[in-house]
C-alpha atoms as a PDB file:
ATOM      1  CA  MET A   1     -32.656  58.771  45.942  1.00  0.00           C
ATOM      2  CA  ASP A   2     -36.006  58.731  44.182  1.00  0.00           C
ATOM      3  CA  ILE A   3     -38.570  56.915  46.307  1.00  0.00           C
ATOM      4  CA  VAL A   4     -42.110  55.609  45.902  1.00  0.00           C
ATOM      5  CA  ILE A   5     -44.101  55.294  49.117  1.00  0.00           C
ATOM      6  CA  ILE A   6     -46.676  52.495  49.179  1.00  0.00           C
ATOM      7  CA  GLY A   7     -49.031  53.300  52.027  1.00  0.00           C
ATOM      8  CA  SER A   8     -50.418  56.425  53.663  1.00  0.00           C
ATOM      9  CA  GLY A   9     -50.483  55.648  57.385  1.00  0.00           C
ATOM     10  CA  ASN A  10     -48.259  56.670  60.284  1.00  0.00           C
ATOM     11  CA  VAL A  11     -45.010  55.099  59.040  1.00  0.00           C
ATOM     12  CA  ALA A  12     -45.559  56.414  55.506  1.00  0.00           C
ATOM     13  CA  HIS A  13     -46.073  59.934  56.845  1.00  0.00           C
ATOM     14  CA  CYS A  14     -43.060  59.894  59.174  1.00  0.00           C
ATOM     15  CA  PHE A  15     -40.657  58.280  56.709  1.00  0.00           C
ATOM     16  CA  SER A  16     -41.636  60.314  53.676  1.00  0.00           C
ATOM     17  CA  HIS A  17     -41.402  63.686  55.414  1.00  0.00           C
ATOM     18  CA  ARG A  18     -38.075  62.830  57.015  1.00  0.00           C
ATOM     19  CA  LEU A  19     -36.614  61.524  53.755  1.00  0.00           C
ATOM     20  CA  GLN A  20     -37.763  64.564  51.827  1.00  0.00           C
ATOM     21  CA  LEU A  21     -36.301  66.849  54.500  1.00  0.00           C
ATOM     22  CA  ASN A  22     -32.947  65.114  54.035  1.00  0.00           C
ATOM     23  CA  GLY A  23     -32.789  65.624  50.294  1.00  0.00           C
ATOM     24  CA  HIS A  24     -34.489  62.513  48.925  1.00  0.00           C
ATOM     25  CA  GLN A  25     -37.226  62.824  46.317  1.00  0.00           C
ATOM     26  CA  ILE A  26     -40.631  61.252  46.932  1.00  0.00           C
ATOM     27  CA  ARG A  27     -41.762  60.511  43.389  1.00  0.00           C
ATOM     28  CA  GLN A  28     -45.180  59.082  44.212  1.00  0.00           C
ATOM     29  CA  VAL A  29     -47.559  57.946  46.946  1.00  0.00           C
ATOM     30  CA  ILE A  30     -49.628  54.796  46.358  1.00  0.00           C
ATOM     31  CA  SER A  31     -52.449  53.854  48.719  1.00  0.00           C
ATOM     32  CA  ARG A  32     -55.697  51.953  48.341  1.00  0.00           C
ATOM     33  CA  ASN A  33     -57.318  54.739  50.343  1.00  0.00           C
ATOM     34  CA  ARG A  34     -57.370  57.419  47.669  1.00  0.00           C
ATOM     35  CA  GLU A  35     -58.227  60.262  50.057  1.00  0.00           C
ATOM     36  CA  HIS A  36     -55.345  59.375  52.378  1.00  0.00           C
ATOM     37  CA  ALA A  37     -52.998  59.084  49.413  1.00  0.00           C
ATOM     38  CA  ARG A  38     -54.053  62.509  48.195  1.00  0.00           C
ATOM     39  CA  GLU A  39     -53.583  64.047  51.639  1.00  0.00           C
ATOM     40  CA  LEU A  40     -50.020  62.773  52.016  1.00  0.00           C
ATOM     41  CA  ALA A  41     -49.104  63.507  48.390  1.00  0.00           C
ATOM     42  CA  GLU A  42     -50.272  67.112  48.717  1.00  0.00           C
ATOM     43  CA  GLN A  43     -48.042  67.556  51.759  1.00  0.00           C
ATOM     44  CA  LEU A  44     -45.115  66.206  49.762  1.00  0.00           C
ATOM     45  CA  ASN A  45     -46.076  67.950  46.516  1.00  0.00           C
ATOM     46  CA  THR A  46     -45.934  64.700  44.561  1.00  0.00           C
ATOM     47  CA  PRO A  47     -48.294  62.557  42.418  1.00  0.00           C
ATOM     48  CA  TYR A  48     -50.470  59.858  43.953  1.00  0.00           C
ATOM     49  CA  SER A  49     -52.679  56.925  42.987  1.00  0.00           C
ATOM     50  CA  ASP A  50     -54.858  54.272  44.589  1.00  0.00           C
ATOM     51  CA  ASP A  51     -53.860  51.621  42.046  1.00  0.00           C
ATOM     52  CA  LEU A  52     -50.610  49.619  42.038  1.00  0.00           C
ATOM     53  CA  LEU A  53     -50.889  49.381  38.252  1.00  0.00           C
ATOM     54  CA  ASP A  54     -50.143  53.109  38.130  1.00  0.00           C
ATOM     55  CA  ILE A  55     -46.879  52.781  40.031  1.00  0.00           C
ATOM     56  CA  ASP A  56     -43.938  54.881  38.859  1.00  0.00           C
ATOM     57  CA  MET A  57     -41.309  52.424  37.625  1.00  0.00           C
ATOM     58  CA  ASN A  58     -38.440  54.947  37.629  1.00  0.00           C
ATOM     59  CA  ALA A  59     -37.709  55.156  41.342  1.00  0.00           C
ATOM     60  CA  ASP A  60     -34.598  53.891  43.132  1.00  0.00           C
ATOM     61  CA  VAL A  61     -36.400  52.473  46.162  1.00  0.00           C
ATOM     62  CA  TYR A  62     -39.963  51.383  46.876  1.00  0.00           C
ATOM     63  CA  LEU A  63     -41.015  51.505  50.533  1.00  0.00           C
ATOM     64  CA  ILE A  64     -44.015  49.391  51.558  1.00  0.00           C
ATOM     65  CA  ALA A  65     -45.453  51.038  54.668  1.00  0.00           C
ATOM     66  CA  ILE A  66     -48.796  49.309  55.098  1.00  0.00           C
ATOM     67  CA  GLN A  67     -50.526  47.066  57.619  1.00  0.00           C
ATOM     68  CA  ASP A  68     -48.851  43.695  58.127  1.00  0.00           C
ATOM     69  CA  ASP A  69     -51.824  41.682  56.881  1.00  0.00           C
ATOM     70  CA  ALA A  70     -51.919  43.672  53.622  1.00  0.00           C
ATOM     71  CA  ILE A  71     -48.353  42.765  52.627  1.00  0.00           C
ATOM     72  CA  PRO A  72     -49.215  39.320  51.123  1.00  0.00           C
ATOM     73  CA  ALA A  73     -51.606  40.919  48.637  1.00  0.00           C
ATOM     74  CA  VAL A  74     -48.947  43.389  47.497  1.00  0.00           C
ATOM     75  CA  ASN A  75     -46.478  40.512  47.198  1.00  0.00           C
ATOM     76  CA  GLN A  76     -48.886  38.846  44.774  1.00  0.00           C
ATOM     77  CA  GLU A  77     -49.748  41.952  42.750  1.00  0.00           C
ATOM     78  CA  LEU A  78     -46.550  43.981  42.448  1.00  0.00           C
ATOM     79  CA  ARG A  79     -43.592  43.099  40.216  1.00  0.00           C
ATOM     80  CA  LEU A  80     -40.527  45.335  40.249  1.00  0.00           C
ATOM     81  CA  GLY A  81     -37.865  43.061  38.756  1.00  0.00           C
ATOM     82  CA  LYS A  82     -34.471  44.138  40.160  1.00  0.00           C
ATOM     83  CA  ARG A  83     -35.654  47.406  41.707  1.00  0.00           C
ATOM     84  CA  ILE A  84     -35.072  47.766  45.449  1.00  0.00           C
ATOM     85  CA  VAL A  85     -38.159  47.255  47.601  1.00  0.00           C
ATOM     86  CA  ALA A  86     -38.422  47.203  51.387  1.00  0.00           C
ATOM     87  CA  HIS A  87     -41.240  46.758  53.856  1.00  0.00           C
ATOM     88  CA  THR A  88     -41.360  48.410  57.284  1.00  0.00           C
ATOM     89  CA  ALA A  89     -43.029  45.744  59.456  1.00  0.00           C
ATOM     90  CA  GLY A  90     -41.610  44.224  62.621  1.00  0.00           C
ATOM     91  CA  ALA A  91     -43.270  40.813  62.641  1.00  0.00           C
ATOM     92  CA  VAL A  92     -43.193  40.138  58.877  1.00  0.00           C
ATOM     93  CA  PRO A  93     -40.201  38.185  57.494  1.00  0.00           C
ATOM     94  CA  LEU A  94     -38.061  39.433  54.645  1.00  0.00           C
ATOM     95  CA  ASP A  95     -39.233  36.694  52.281  1.00  0.00           C
ATOM     96  CA  ALA A  96     -42.833  37.948  52.564  1.00  0.00           C
ATOM     97  CA  ILE A  97     -42.012  40.267  49.630  1.00  0.00           C
ATOM     98  CA  ARG A  98     -39.805  37.846  47.696  1.00  0.00           C
ATOM     99  CA  ASN A  99     -42.113  37.816  44.622  1.00  0.00           C
ATOM    100  CA  ILE A 100     -41.849  41.565  44.131  1.00  0.00           C
ATOM    101  CA  SER A 101     -38.126  41.831  43.423  1.00  0.00           C
ATOM    102  CA  VAL A 102     -34.816  40.041  43.803  1.00  0.00           C
ATOM    103  CA  ASN A 103     -33.527  43.022  45.776  1.00  0.00           C
ATOM    104  CA  THR A 104     -35.644  43.089  48.920  1.00  0.00           C
ATOM    105  CA  GLY A 105     -35.147  44.508  52.377  1.00  0.00           C
ATOM    106  CA  VAL A 106     -36.690  45.731  55.601  1.00  0.00           C
ATOM    107  CA  ILE A 107     -36.443  49.075  57.406  1.00  0.00           C
ATOM    108  CA  TYR A 108     -38.378  48.614  60.648  1.00  0.00           C
ATOM    109  CA  PRO A 109     -38.790  51.488  63.149  1.00  0.00           C
ATOM    110  CA  LEU A 110     -38.745  50.145  66.706  1.00  0.00           C
ATOM    111  CA  GLN A 111     -41.325  52.686  67.804  1.00  0.00           C
ATOM    112  CA  SER A 112     -45.060  53.343  67.758  1.00  0.00           C
ATOM    113  CA  LEU A 113     -45.027  56.111  65.179  1.00  0.00           C
ATOM    114  CA  ARG A 114     -47.647  58.815  64.859  1.00  0.00           C
ATOM    115  CA  ARG A 115     -48.083  60.638  61.581  1.00  0.00           C
ATOM    116  CA  GLU A 116     -47.493  64.044  63.169  1.00  0.00           C
ATOM    117  CA  MET A 117     -44.025  62.999  64.395  1.00  0.00           C
ATOM    118  CA  ARG A 118     -41.256  64.714  62.477  1.00  0.00           C
ATOM    119  CA  GLU A 119     -38.219  64.197  64.723  1.00  0.00           C
ATOM    120  CA  VAL A 120     -37.538  60.474  64.299  1.00  0.00           C
ATOM    121  CA  GLU A 121     -33.746  60.602  64.290  1.00  0.00           C
ATOM    122  CA  LYS A 122     -33.480  58.975  67.754  1.00  0.00           C
ATOM    123  CA  ILE A 123     -35.730  56.038  66.856  1.00  0.00           C
ATOM    124  CA  PRO A 124     -33.873  52.729  66.296  1.00  0.00           C
ATOM    125  CA  LEU A 125     -34.228  51.305  62.804  1.00  0.00           C
ATOM    126  CA  LEU A 126     -33.724  47.573  62.244  1.00  0.00           C
ATOM    127  CA  LEU A 127     -32.291  46.844  58.820  1.00  0.00           C
ATOM    128  CA  GLU A 128     -32.246  43.643  56.766  1.00  0.00           C
ATOM    129  CA  ALA A 129     -31.655  42.912  53.086  1.00  0.00           C
ATOM    130  CA  ALA A 130     -31.461  39.997  50.684  1.00  0.00           C
ATOM    131  CA  ASN A 131     -27.968  40.925  49.476  1.00  0.00           C
ATOM    132  CA  GLU A 132     -25.061  43.275  50.216  1.00  0.00           C
ATOM    133  CA  MET A 133     -25.871  45.769  47.475  1.00  0.00           C
ATOM    134  CA  THR A 134     -29.419  46.225  48.758  1.00  0.00           C
ATOM    135  CA  LEU A 135     -28.175  46.435  52.342  1.00  0.00           C
ATOM    136  CA  ARG A 136     -25.807  49.276  51.415  1.00  0.00           C
ATOM    137  CA  ARG A 137     -28.479  51.229  49.540  1.00  0.00           C
ATOM    138  CA  LEU A 138     -31.102  50.785  52.220  1.00  0.00           C
ATOM    139  CA  GLY A 139     -28.488  51.558  54.867  1.00  0.00           C
ATOM    140  CA  ALA A 140     -27.851  54.943  53.258  1.00  0.00           C
ATOM    141  CA  LEU A 141     -31.586  55.574  53.218  1.00  0.00           C
ATOM    142  CA  ALA A 142     -31.998  54.475  56.843  1.00  0.00           C
ATOM    143  CA  GLU A 143     -29.208  56.809  57.938  1.00  0.00           C
ATOM    144  CA  ALA A 144     -31.203  59.704  56.495  1.00  0.00           C
ATOM    145  CA  LEU A 145     -34.034  58.703  58.806  1.00  0.00           C
ATOM    146  CA  SER A 146     -32.280  57.878  62.061  1.00  0.00           C
ATOM    147  CA  GLU A 147     -28.996  58.137  63.917  1.00  0.00           C
ATOM    148  CA  GLN A 148     -29.431  54.588  65.204  1.00  0.00           C
ATOM    149  CA  VAL A 149     -29.455  51.924  62.487  1.00  0.00           C
ATOM    150  CA  VAL A 150     -28.915  48.269  63.457  1.00  0.00           C
ATOM    151  CA  THR A 151     -28.840  45.221  61.198  1.00  0.00           C
ATOM    152  CA  ALA A 152     -31.133  42.414  62.370  1.00  0.00           C
ATOM    153  CA  ASP A 153     -32.427  39.374  60.527  1.00  0.00           C
ATOM    154  CA  SER A 154     -36.115  38.403  60.476  1.00  0.00           C
ATOM    155  CA  GLU A 155     -35.843  36.227  63.591  1.00  0.00           C
ATOM    156  CA  LYS A 156     -34.112  38.913  65.667  1.00  0.00           C
ATOM    157  CA  ARG A 157     -36.546  41.524  64.415  1.00  0.00           C
ATOM    158  CA  LEU A 158     -39.507  39.373  65.436  1.00  0.00           C
ATOM    159  CA  GLN A 159     -37.966  38.859  68.871  1.00  0.00           C
ATOM    160  CA  LEU A 160     -37.497  42.600  69.301  1.00  0.00           C
ATOM    161  CA  HIS A 161     -41.025  43.219  68.068  1.00  0.00           C
ATOM    162  CA  LEU A 162     -42.315  40.876  70.769  1.00  0.00           C
ATOM    163  CA  ALA A 163     -40.137  42.617  73.358  1.00  0.00           C
ATOM    164  CA  ALA A 164     -41.632  45.939  72.270  1.00  0.00           C
ATOM    165  CA  VAL A 165     -45.164  44.568  72.674  1.00  0.00           C
ATOM    166  CA  LEU A 166     -44.353  43.228  76.142  1.00  0.00           C
ATOM    167  CA  SER A 167     -42.695  46.425  77.335  1.00  0.00           C
ATOM    168  CA  ASN A 168     -44.832  49.021  75.581  1.00  0.00           C
ATOM    169  CA  ASN A 169     -48.269  47.696  74.627  1.00  0.00           C
ATOM    170  CA  PHE A 170     -48.719  45.572  77.733  1.00  0.00           C
ATOM    171  CA  THR A 171     -47.548  48.373  80.017  1.00  0.00           C
ATOM    172  CA  ASN A 172     -49.965  50.799  78.393  1.00  0.00           C
ATOM    173  CA  HIS A 173     -52.795  48.292  78.776  1.00  0.00           C
ATOM    174  CA  LEU A 174     -52.057  47.823  82.474  1.00  0.00           C
ATOM    175  CA  ILE A 175     -52.237  51.582  82.936  1.00  0.00           C
ATOM    176  CA  ALA A 176     -55.523  51.668  80.995  1.00  0.00           C
ATOM    177  CA  ARG A 177     -56.922  48.958  83.284  1.00  0.00           C
ATOM    178  CA  CYS A 178     -55.784  51.018  86.266  1.00  0.00           C
ATOM    179  CA  GLU A 179     -57.546  54.092  84.850  1.00  0.00           C
ATOM    180  CA  ASP A 180     -60.719  52.025  84.494  1.00  0.00           C
ATOM    181  CA  TYR A 181     -60.359  50.677  88.060  1.00  0.00           C
ATOM    182  CA  CYS A 182     -60.002  54.209  89.445  1.00  0.00           C
ATOM    183  CA  GLU A 183     -62.890  55.581  87.398  1.00  0.00           C
ATOM    184  CA  LYS A 184     -65.286  52.874  88.590  1.00  0.00           C
ATOM    185  CA  ARG A 185     -64.379  53.543  92.216  1.00  0.00           C
ATOM    186  CA  GLY A 186     -64.410  57.321  92.035  1.00  0.00           C
ATOM    187  CA  LEU A 187     -60.651  57.596  92.498  1.00  0.00           C
ATOM    188  CA  ASP A 188     -58.498  60.323  90.986  1.00  0.00           C
ATOM    189  CA  PHE A 189     -56.119  58.584  88.584  1.00  0.00           C
ATOM    190  CA  GLY A 190     -54.126  61.818  88.383  1.00  0.00           C
ATOM    191  CA  LEU A 191     -52.753  61.082  91.841  1.00  0.00           C
ATOM    192  CA  LEU A 192     -50.829  58.157  90.300  1.00  0.00           C
ATOM    193  CA  ARG A 193     -49.105  60.168  87.577  1.00  0.00           C
ATOM    194  CA  PRO A 194     -46.122  61.190  89.770  1.00  0.00           C
ATOM    195  CA  ILE A 195     -45.342  57.558  90.674  1.00  0.00           C
ATOM    196  CA  LEU A 196     -45.634  56.525  87.024  1.00  0.00           C
ATOM    197  CA  HIS A 197     -43.344  59.360  86.006  1.00  0.00           C
ATOM    198  CA  GLU A 198     -40.790  58.359  88.639  1.00  0.00           C
ATOM    199  CA  THR A 199     -40.937  54.708  87.560  1.00  0.00           C
ATOM    200  CA  PHE A 200     -40.185  55.496  83.929  1.00  0.00           C
ATOM    201  CA  GLN A 201     -37.412  57.884  84.929  1.00  0.00           C
ATOM    202  CA  ARG A 202     -35.819  55.135  87.032  1.00  0.00           C
ATOM    203  CA  ILE A 203     -36.020  52.685  84.143  1.00  0.00           C
ATOM    204  CA  GLU A 204     -34.210  55.177  81.917  1.00  0.00           C
ATOM    205  CA  ARG A 205     -31.312  55.251  84.389  1.00  0.00           C
ATOM    206  CA  ASN A 206     -31.256  51.634  85.592  1.00  0.00           C
ATOM    207  CA  ASP A 207     -32.085  48.053  84.697  1.00  0.00           C
ATOM    208  CA  ALA A 208     -35.766  47.481  85.449  1.00  0.00           C
ATOM    209  CA  ARG A 209     -34.868  44.546  87.707  1.00  0.00           C
ATOM    210  CA  GLN A 210     -32.880  46.876  89.950  1.00  0.00           C
ATOM    211  CA  VAL A 211     -35.827  49.163  90.694  1.00  0.00           C
ATOM    212  CA  GLN A 212     -38.639  46.626  91.167  1.00  0.00           C
ATOM    213  CA  THR A 213     -40.750  47.211  94.286  1.00  0.00           C
ATOM    214  CA  GLY A 214     -44.183  46.193  95.573  1.00  0.00           C
ATOM    215  CA  PRO A 215     -45.825  43.561  97.769  1.00  0.00           C
ATOM    216  CA  ALA A 216     -45.168  40.640  95.402  1.00  0.00           C
ATOM    217  CA  TYR A 217     -41.471  41.541  95.236  1.00  0.00           C
ATOM    218  CA  ARG A 218     -41.321  41.733  99.045  1.00  0.00           C
ATOM    219  CA  ASN A 219     -43.534  38.647  99.425  1.00  0.00           C
ATOM    220  CA  ASP A 220     -45.838  40.753 101.599  1.00  0.00           C
ATOM    221  CA  VAL A 221     -48.556  38.118 102.064  1.00  0.00           C
ATOM    222  CA  THR A 222     -50.822  40.385 104.141  1.00  0.00           C
ATOM    223  CA  THR A 223     -50.979  43.158 101.541  1.00  0.00           C
ATOM    224  CA  LEU A 224     -51.411  40.683  98.702  1.00  0.00           C
ATOM    225  CA  GLU A 225     -54.437  39.222 100.454  1.00  0.00           C
ATOM    226  CA  LEU A 226     -55.916  42.678 101.056  1.00  0.00           C
ATOM    227  CA  HIS A 227     -55.546  43.475  97.363  1.00  0.00           C
ATOM    228  CA  ARG A 228     -57.274  40.213  96.412  1.00  0.00           C
ATOM    229  CA  GLY A 229     -60.195  41.251  98.601  1.00  0.00           C
ATOM    230  CA  GLN A 230     -60.452  44.557  96.756  1.00  0.00           C
ATOM    231  CA  LEU A 231     -60.613  42.720  93.438  1.00  0.00           C
ATOM    232  CA  LYS A 232     -63.080  39.960  94.361  1.00  0.00           C
ATOM    233  CA  ASP A 233     -65.824  41.697  92.330  1.00  0.00           C
ATOM    234  CA  ASN A 234     -63.535  42.011  89.287  1.00  0.00           C
ATOM    235  CA  PRO A 235     -62.408  38.481  88.357  1.00  0.00           C
ATOM    236  CA  ASP A 236     -60.601  39.493  85.155  1.00  0.00           C
ATOM    237  CA  LEU A 237     -58.457  42.052  86.939  1.00  0.00           C
ATOM    238  CA  LEU A 238     -57.956  39.672  89.854  1.00  0.00           C
ATOM    239  CA  GLN A 239     -56.651  37.022  87.456  1.00  0.00           C
ATOM    240  CA  LEU A 240     -54.259  39.551  85.937  1.00  0.00           C
ATOM    241  CA  TYR A 241     -53.122  40.567  89.422  1.00  0.00           C
ATOM    242  CA  GLU A 242     -52.470  36.944  90.380  1.00  0.00           C
ATOM    243  CA  VAL A 243     -50.556  36.130  87.209  1.00  0.00           C
ATOM    244  CA  LEU A 244     -48.284  39.157  87.516  1.00  0.00           C
ATOM    245  CA  SER A 245     -47.783  38.803  91.278  1.00  0.00           C
ATOM    246  CA  ASN A 246     -46.854  35.139  90.923  1.00  0.00           C
ATOM    247  CA  ASP A 247     -44.474  35.910  88.079  1.00  0.00           C
ATOM    248  CA  ILE A 248     -42.788  38.683  90.069  1.00  0.00           C
ATOM    249  CA  ARG A 249     -42.288  36.398  93.065  1.00  0.00           C
ATOM    250  CA  GLN A 250     -40.932  33.539  90.981  1.00  0.00           C
ATOM    251  CA  PHE A 251     -38.690  35.757  88.851  1.00  0.00           C
ATOM    252  CA  TYR A 252     -37.050  37.506  91.794  1.00  0.00           C
ATOM    253  CA  ASP A 253     -36.796  34.339  93.867  1.00  0.00           C
ATOM    254  CA  VAL A 254     -34.658  32.932  91.042  1.00  0.00           C
ATOM    255  CA  GLU A 255     -32.663  36.168  90.903  1.00  0.00           C
ATOM    256  CA  ARG A 256     -32.005  36.097  94.651  1.00  0.00           C
ATOM    257  CA  LYS A 257     -30.983  32.447  94.623  1.00  0.00           C
ATOM    258  CA  ALA A 258     -28.630  32.800  91.670  1.00  0.00           C
ATOM    259  CA  PRO A 259     -24.945  32.370  92.635  1.00  0.00           C
END
């Protein structure tokens, strides 16, 4: 298929390179950041522009790979008639691009993409479309990107986006807070890398609930109180510790009491 890429960030880079590698033609790159558009277009050996008015109207599919909060402006500015257009956002509903075309869709990668990534075939893609014809065409495109393509409507996609934030972004933030805690106390954070590695390996092989450990899980009141003492000079981290410890205890108490 002939494709126009609208955007020049991480998703635009990953998708366009993968699609081109699998025989699709990237006809044009459009991005408000002209330098970024030029950079990606040179890699793909294709024209570029920083103005939607210059868009190539002869493509088969138009992929909008931009920041979520920029999609409404494109929905107001761009008119493609019956041409197929899809955005790539997790938390943005399908109808957010309803003014652009009657044939709209979504191809959302359930992954934090980086522009240097080239092997994206294992990344789940969530697919949605306004009609069956568009779903088939976008499905063929998605299959050129990934081996794992799943249809999901806007509500399911939003739920999975939230689940990704909880499991990925929040986990990363907790580790960042731990790094900060160690740094301020002169502790070697590197000593924790083996336990982190083991935890993620266990999660790959088991349900996370089956491998939960720690003082809150065991209801080890003595250790919990010792930890609170260590955090008395850091109220923000103490609050986070309390919230998570309480949630762990309540969650697993329910699990244990379930028939």
